[in-house]
Every structure is written in structure tokens, then in C-alpha cells.
């Protein structure tokens, strides 16, 4: 009962997810880089706001980081 759900993790390639409302860009680490809303034709870049989440530890102390 093996389910292979991680081809993206093994290839380490960035991708974008698109539907009729938005385009999500995801980098090699799996972090969301930007979100483009098609209705507004506006792209929101998340790198400045959320880059420190990628390096935060999962031991519950990540909220103590200054960023």
C-alpha cells in the first residue's frame, strides 16, 4: 500500500499552481513565493514577509524569532 505523493520533493524543482482565479509560485524548498490574482492582475510577493518561516524550527520556538 505505497502511495508515491512526492515527485516534487525528489526532483527539487520549482513549480506554479494555476487555476481560473490565481497563480501560485512555489520554490524548490516548497515555500510559496508569490500569488497572482487574475481578477485584479496583481502579483503578491511573499518572499519578504515569509522567508524566515522556511528556516524556523519545528520545536515550537519559531514564534520567538525576530523577523
PDB file of N, CA and C in Angstrom:
ATOM      1  N   UNK A   1       0.845  -1.194   0.000  1.00  0.00           N
ATOM      2  CA  UNK A   1       0.000   0.000   0.000  1.00  0.00           C
ATOM      3  C   UNK A   1       0.887   1.253   0.000  1.00  0.00           C
ATOM      4  N   UNK A   2       1.675   1.364  -1.024  1.00  0.00           N
ATOM      5  CA  UNK A   2       2.562   2.513  -1.136  1.00  0.00           C
ATOM      6  C   UNK A   2       1.934   3.565  -2.028  1.00  0.00           C
ATOM      7  N   UNK A   3       1.973   4.781  -1.551  1.00  0.00           N
ATOM      8  CA  UNK A   3       1.479   5.892  -2.348  1.00  0.00           C
ATOM      9  C   UNK A   3       2.643   6.840  -2.591  1.00  0.00           C
ATOM     10  N   UNK A   4       2.989   7.045  -3.838  1.00  0.00           N
ATOM     11  CA  UNK A   4       4.065   7.987  -4.125  1.00  0.00           C
ATOM     12  C   UNK A   4       3.449   9.360  -4.357  1.00  0.00           C
ATOM     13  N   UNK A   5       3.579  10.200  -3.369  1.00  0.00           N
ATOM     14  CA  UNK A   5       2.998  11.535  -3.462  1.00  0.00           C
ATOM     15  C   UNK A   5       4.080  12.603  -3.452  1.00  0.00           C
ATOM     16  N   UNK A   6       5.339  12.218  -3.650  1.00  0.00           N
ATOM     17  CA  UNK A   6       6.393  13.213  -3.540  1.00  0.00           C
ATOM     18  C   UNK A   6       7.318  13.279  -4.748  1.00  0.00           C
ATOM     19  N   UNK A   7       6.770  13.326  -5.949  1.00  0.00           N
ATOM     20  CA  UNK A   7       7.673  13.546  -7.085  1.00  0.00           C
ATOM     21  C   UNK A   7       8.286  14.941  -7.072  1.00  0.00           C
ATOM     22  N   UNK A   8       7.554  15.917  -6.544  1.00  0.00           N
ATOM     23  CA  UNK A   8       8.093  17.271  -6.487  1.00  0.00           C
ATOM     24  C   UNK A   8       9.243  17.366  -5.498  1.00  0.00           C
ATOM     25  N   UNK A   9       9.132  16.673  -4.376  1.00  0.00           N
ATOM     26  CA  UNK A   9      10.183  16.743  -3.368  1.00  0.00           C
ATOM     27  C   UNK A   9      11.455  16.081  -3.855  1.00  0.00           C
ATOM     28  N   UNK A  10      11.312  15.036  -4.658  1.00  0.00           N
ATOM     29  CA  UNK A  10      12.502  14.328  -5.112  1.00  0.00           C
ATOM     30  C   UNK A  10      13.187  15.043  -6.266  1.00  0.00           C
ATOM     31  N   UNK A  11      12.414  15.739  -7.098  1.00  0.00           N
ATOM     32  CA  UNK A  11      13.033  16.426  -8.223  1.00  0.00           C
ATOM     33  C   UNK A  11      13.572  17.792  -7.824  1.00  0.00           C
ATOM     34  N   UNK A  12      13.117  18.336  -6.709  1.00  0.00           N
ATOM     35  CA  UNK A  12      13.593  19.622  -6.201  1.00  0.00           C
ATOM     36  C   UNK A  12      13.459  20.731  -7.238  1.00  0.00           C
ATOM     37  N   UNK A  13      12.335  20.785  -7.898  1.00  0.00           N
ATOM     38  CA  UNK A  13      12.139  21.824  -8.898  1.00  0.00           C
ATOM     39  C   UNK A  13      11.010  22.740  -8.463  1.00  0.00           C
ATOM     40  N   UNK A  14      11.131  23.992  -8.844  1.00  0.00           N
ATOM     41  CA  UNK A  14      10.066  24.921  -8.525  1.00  0.00           C
ATOM     42  C   UNK A  14       8.904  24.697  -9.482  1.00  0.00           C
ATOM     43  N   UNK A  15       7.727  25.111  -9.080  1.00  0.00           N
ATOM     44  CA  UNK A  15       6.565  24.916  -9.934  1.00  0.00           C
ATOM     45  C   UNK A  15       5.576  26.037  -9.682  1.00  0.00           C
ATOM     46  N   UNK A  16       4.550  26.078 -10.489  1.00  0.00           N
ATOM     47  CA  UNK A  16       3.469  27.015 -10.252  1.00  0.00           C
ATOM     48  C   UNK A  16       2.149  26.275 -10.354  1.00  0.00           C
ATOM     49  N   UNK A  17       1.216  26.671  -9.511  1.00  0.00           N
ATOM     50  CA  UNK A  17      -0.104  26.050  -9.454  1.00  0.00           C
ATOM     51  C   UNK A  17      -1.096  27.101  -9.942  1.00  0.00           C
ATOM     52  N   UNK A  18      -1.861  26.740 -10.944  1.00  0.00           N
ATOM     53  CA  UNK A  18      -2.724  27.735 -11.567  1.00  0.00           C
ATOM     54  C   UNK A  18      -4.149  27.215 -11.671  1.00  0.00           C
ATOM     55  N   UNK A  19      -5.110  28.068 -11.354  1.00  0.00           N
ATOM     56  CA  UNK A  19      -6.497  27.777 -11.677  1.00  0.00           C
ATOM     57  C   UNK A  19      -7.118  29.034 -12.273  1.00  0.00           C
ATOM     58  N   UNK A  20      -8.432  29.091 -12.341  1.00  0.00           N
ATOM     59  CA  UNK A  20      -9.049  30.226 -13.030  1.00  0.00           C
ATOM     60  C   UNK A  20      -8.944  31.528 -12.237  1.00  0.00           C
ATOM     61  N   UNK A  21      -8.607  31.436 -10.945  1.00  0.00           N
ATOM     62  CA  UNK A  21      -8.593  32.636 -10.114  1.00  0.00           C
ATOM     63  C   UNK A  21      -7.203  33.144  -9.783  1.00  0.00           C
ATOM     64  N   UNK A  22      -6.237  32.251  -9.663  1.00  0.00           N
ATOM     65  CA  UNK A  22      -4.920  32.692  -9.212  1.00  0.00           C
ATOM     66  C   UNK A  22      -3.812  31.798  -9.751  1.00  0.00           C
ATOM     67  N   UNK A  23      -2.574  32.286  -9.615  1.00  0.00           N
ATOM     68  CA  UNK A  23      -1.378  31.514  -9.935  1.00  0.00           C
ATOM     69  C   UNK A  23      -0.479  31.545  -8.702  1.00  0.00           C
ATOM     70  N   UNK A  24      -0.164  30.368  -8.181  1.00  0.00           N
ATOM     71  CA  UNK A  24       0.747  30.254  -7.039  1.00  0.00           C
ATOM     72  C   UNK A  24       2.104  29.806  -7.547  1.00  0.00           C
ATOM     73  N   UNK A  25       3.158  30.482  -7.140  1.00  0.00           N
ATOM     74  CA  UNK A  25       4.507  30.053  -7.496  1.00  0.00           C
ATOM     75  C   UNK A  25       5.172  29.472  -6.255  1.00  0.00           C
ATOM     76  N   UNK A  26       5.730  28.271  -6.402  1.00  0.00           N
ATOM     77  CA  UNK A  26       6.351  27.555  -5.292  1.00  0.00           C
ATOM     78  C   UNK A  26       7.814  27.306  -5.646  1.00  0.00           C
ATOM     79  N   UNK A  27       8.717  27.546  -4.685  1.00  0.00           N
ATOM     80  CA  UNK A  27      10.137  27.361  -4.975  1.00  0.00           C
ATOM     81  C   UNK A  27      10.591  25.942  -4.660  1.00  0.00           C
ATOM     82  N   UNK A  28      11.901  25.700  -4.776  1.00  0.00           N
ATOM     83  CA  UNK A  28      12.432  24.344  -4.622  1.00  0.00           C
ATOM     84  C   UNK A  28      12.230  23.801  -3.214  1.00  0.00           C
ATOM     85  N   UNK A  29      12.192  24.677  -2.218  1.00  0.00           N
ATOM     86  CA  UNK A  29      12.016  24.225  -0.840  1.00  0.00           C
ATOM     87  C   UNK A  29      10.557  23.968  -0.487  1.00  0.00           C
ATOM     88  N   UNK A  30       9.657  24.270  -1.400  1.00  0.00           N
ATOM     89  CA  UNK A  30       8.245  24.079  -1.125  1.00  0.00           C
ATOM     90  C   UNK A  30       7.576  25.292  -0.527  1.00  0.00           C
ATOM     91  N   UNK A  31       8.284  26.408  -0.479  1.00  0.00           N
ATOM     92  CA  UNK A  31       7.705  27.634   0.055  1.00  0.00           C
ATOM     93  C   UNK A  31       6.975  28.384  -1.053  1.00  0.00           C
ATOM     94  N   UNK A  32       5.879  29.018  -0.682  1.00  0.00           N
ATOM     95  CA  UNK A  32       5.140  29.828  -1.650  1.00  0.00           C
ATOM     96  C   UNK A  32       5.892  31.135  -1.867  1.00  0.00           C
ATOM     97  N   UNK A  33       6.220  31.416  -3.114  1.00  0.00           N
ATOM     98  CA  UNK A  33       6.997  32.606  -3.435  1.00  0.00           C
ATOM     99  C   UNK A  33       6.081  33.786  -3.741  1.00  0.00           C
ATOM    100  N   UNK A  34       5.067  33.549  -4.554  1.00  0.00           N
ATOM    101  CA  UNK A  34       4.176  34.643  -4.913  1.00  0.00           C
ATOM    102  C   UNK A  34       2.802  34.111  -5.274  1.00  0.00           C
ATOM    103  N   UNK A  35       1.831  34.994  -5.192  1.00  0.00           N
ATOM    104  CA  UNK A  35       0.449  34.675  -5.548  1.00  0.00           C
ATOM    105  C   UNK A  35      -0.040  35.766  -6.480  1.00  0.00           C
ATOM    106  N   UNK A  36      -0.488  35.385  -7.660  1.00  0.00           N
ATOM    107  CA  UNK A  36      -1.027  36.366  -8.604  1.00  0.00           C
ATOM    108  C   UNK A  36      -2.524  36.171  -8.720  1.00  0.00           C
ATOM    109  N   UNK A  37      -3.261  37.212  -8.393  1.00  0.00           N
ATOM    110  CA  UNK A  37      -4.713  37.175  -8.538  1.00  0.00           C
ATOM    111  C   UNK A  37      -5.066  37.620  -9.948  1.00  0.00           C
ATOM    112  N   UNK A  38      -5.729  36.747 -10.685  1.00  0.00           N
ATOM    113  CA  UNK A  38      -6.031  37.062 -12.077  1.00  0.00           C
ATOM    114  C   UNK A  38      -7.089  38.157 -12.199  1.00  0.00           C
ATOM    115  N   UNK A  39      -8.041  38.186 -11.291  1.00  0.00           N
ATOM    116  CA  UNK A  39      -9.111  39.174 -11.403  1.00  0.00           C
ATOM    117  C   UNK A  39      -8.575  40.595 -11.223  1.00  0.00           C
ATOM    118  N   UNK A  40      -7.583  40.763 -10.343  1.00  0.00           N
ATOM    119  CA  UNK A  40      -7.009  42.082 -10.116  1.00  0.00           C
ATOM    120  C   UNK A  40      -5.754  42.312 -10.939  1.00  0.00           C
ATOM    121  N   UNK A  41      -5.241  41.246 -11.554  1.00  0.00           N
ATOM    122  CA  UNK A  41      -3.971  41.290 -12.277  1.00  0.00           C
ATOM    123  C   UNK A  41      -2.867  41.853 -11.384  1.00  0.00           C
ATOM    124  N   UNK A  42      -2.849  41.379 -10.149  1.00  0.00           N
ATOM    125  CA  UNK A  42      -1.872  41.857  -9.180  1.00  0.00           C
ATOM    126  C   UNK A  42      -1.112  40.674  -8.614  1.00  0.00           C
ATOM    127  N   UNK A  43       0.213  40.795  -8.556  1.00  0.00           N
ATOM    128  CA  UNK A  43       1.038  39.731  -8.008  1.00  0.00           C
ATOM    129  C   UNK A  43       1.524  40.132  -6.624  1.00  0.00           C
ATOM    130  N   UNK A  44       1.325  39.248  -5.651  1.00  0.00           N
ATOM    131  CA  UNK A  44       1.744  39.490  -4.280  1.00  0.00           C
ATOM    132  C   UNK A  44       2.975  38.642  -4.022  1.00  0.00           C
ATOM    133  N   UNK A  45       4.086  39.288  -3.696  1.00  0.00           N
ATOM    134  CA  UNK A  45       5.331  38.569  -3.466  1.00  0.00           C
ATOM    135  C   UNK A  45       5.469  38.291  -1.980  1.00  0.00           C
ATOM    136  N   UNK A  46       5.626  37.007  -1.625  1.00  0.00           N
ATOM    137  CA  UNK A  46       5.676  36.618  -0.222  1.00  0.00           C
ATOM    138  C   UNK A  46       7.095  36.529   0.322  1.00  0.00           C
ATOM    139  N   UNK A  47       8.100  36.695  -0.519  1.00  0.00           N
ATOM    140  CA  UNK A  47       9.450  36.396  -0.078  1.00  0.00           C
ATOM    141  C   UNK A  47       9.893  37.298   1.075  1.00  0.00           C
ATOM    142  N   UNK A  48       9.561  38.569   1.025  1.00  0.00           N
ATOM    143  CA  UNK A  48       9.974  39.475   2.083  1.00  0.00           C
ATOM    144  C   UNK A  48       9.272  39.148   3.397  1.00  0.00           C
ATOM    145  N   UNK A  49       8.007  38.756   3.311  1.00  0.00           N
ATOM    146  CA  UNK A  49       7.217  38.585   4.520  1.00  0.00           C
ATOM    147  C   UNK A  49       7.401  37.229   5.172  1.00  0.00           C
ATOM    148  N   UNK A  50       7.620  36.185   4.376  1.00  0.00           N
ATOM    149  CA  UNK A  50       7.536  34.838   4.910  1.00  0.00           C
ATOM    150  C   UNK A  50       8.818  34.029   4.776  1.00  0.00           C
ATOM    151  N   UNK A  51       9.911  34.656   4.350  1.00  0.00           N
ATOM    152  CA  UNK A  51      11.116  33.860   4.118  1.00  0.00           C
ATOM    153  C   UNK A  51      11.650  33.264   5.412  1.00  0.00           C
ATOM    154  N   UNK A  52      11.443  33.931   6.544  1.00  0.00           N
ATOM    155  CA  UNK A  52      12.004  33.408   7.788  1.00  0.00           C
ATOM    156  C   UNK A  52      11.232  32.207   8.310  1.00  0.00           C
ATOM    157  N   UNK A  53      10.042  31.955   7.788  1.00  0.00           N
ATOM    158  CA  UNK A  53       9.332  30.740   8.181  1.00  0.00           C
ATOM    159  C   UNK A  53      10.047  29.488   7.686  1.00  0.00           C
ATOM    160  N   UNK A  54      10.724  29.590   6.559  1.00  0.00           N
ATOM    161  CA  UNK A  54      11.388  28.421   5.990  1.00  0.00           C
ATOM    162  C   UNK A  54      12.512  27.940   6.890  1.00  0.00           C
ATOM    163  N   UNK A  55      13.162  28.859   7.613  1.00  0.00           N
ATOM    164  CA  UNK A  55      14.287  28.465   8.449  1.00  0.00           C
ATOM    165  C   UNK A  55      13.868  28.241   9.900  1.00  0.00           C
ATOM    166  N   UNK A  56      12.600  28.438  10.214  1.00  0.00           N
ATOM    167  CA  UNK A  56      12.172  28.273  11.601  1.00  0.00           C
ATOM    168  C   UNK A  56      12.114  26.800  11.967  1.00  0.00           C
ATOM    169  N   UNK A  57      12.432  26.515  13.205  1.00  0.00           N
ATOM    170  CA  UNK A  57      12.455  25.123  13.648  1.00  0.00           C
ATOM    171  C   UNK A  57      11.048  24.672  14.001  1.00  0.00           C
ATOM    172  N   UNK A  58      10.863  23.357  14.049  1.00  0.00           N
ATOM    173  CA  UNK A  58       9.528  22.814  14.295  1.00  0.00           C
ATOM    174  C   UNK A  58       9.372  22.378  15.747  1.00  0.00           C
ATOM    175  N   UNK A  59      10.145  22.978  16.653  1.00  0.00           N
ATOM    176  CA  UNK A  59      10.055  22.564  18.054  1.00  0.00           C
ATOM    177  C   UNK A  59       9.172  23.493  18.867  1.00  0.00           C
ATOM    178  N   UNK A  60       8.419  24.352  18.191  1.00  0.00           N
ATOM    179  CA  UNK A  60       7.506  25.234  18.899  1.00  0.00           C
ATOM    180  C   UNK A  60       8.133  26.540  19.328  1.00  0.00           C
ATOM    181  N   UNK A  61       9.396  26.770  18.990  1.00  0.00           N
ATOM    182  CA  UNK A  61      10.052  28.002  19.392  1.00  0.00           C
ATOM    183  C   UNK A  61      10.159  28.994  18.244  1.00  0.00           C
ATOM    184  N   UNK A  62       9.519  28.687  17.132  1.00  0.00           N
ATOM    185  CA  UNK A  62       9.700  29.535  15.959  1.00  0.00           C
ATOM    186  C   UNK A  62       9.073  30.911  16.163  1.00  0.00           C
ATOM    187  N   UNK A  63       8.074  31.013  17.038  1.00  0.00           N
ATOM    188  CA  UNK A  63       7.433  32.301  17.227  1.00  0.00           C
ATOM    189  C   UNK A  63       8.308  33.271  18.012  1.00  0.00           C
ATOM    190  N   UNK A  64       9.432  32.792  18.568  1.00  0.00           N
ATOM    191  CA  UNK A  64      10.325  33.673  19.298  1.00  0.00           C
ATOM    192  C   UNK A  64      11.333  34.348  18.384  1.00  0.00           C
ATOM    193  N   UNK A  65      11.348  33.979  17.127  1.00  0.00           N
ATOM    194  CA  UNK A  65      12.290  34.590  16.201  1.00  0.00           C
ATOM    195  C   UNK A  65      11.865  36.012  15.890  1.00  0.00           C
ATOM    196  N   UNK A  66      12.839  36.883  15.751  1.00  0.00           N
ATOM    197  CA  UNK A  66      12.514  38.235  15.323  1.00  0.00           C
ATOM    198  C   UNK A  66      12.672  38.319  13.823  1.00  0.00           C
ATOM    199  N   UNK A  67      11.726  38.933  13.178  1.00  0.00           N
ATOM    200  CA  UNK A  67      11.792  38.981  11.731  1.00  0.00           C
ATOM    201  C   UNK A  67      10.838  40.015  11.254  1.00  0.00           C
TER     202      UNK A  67
END
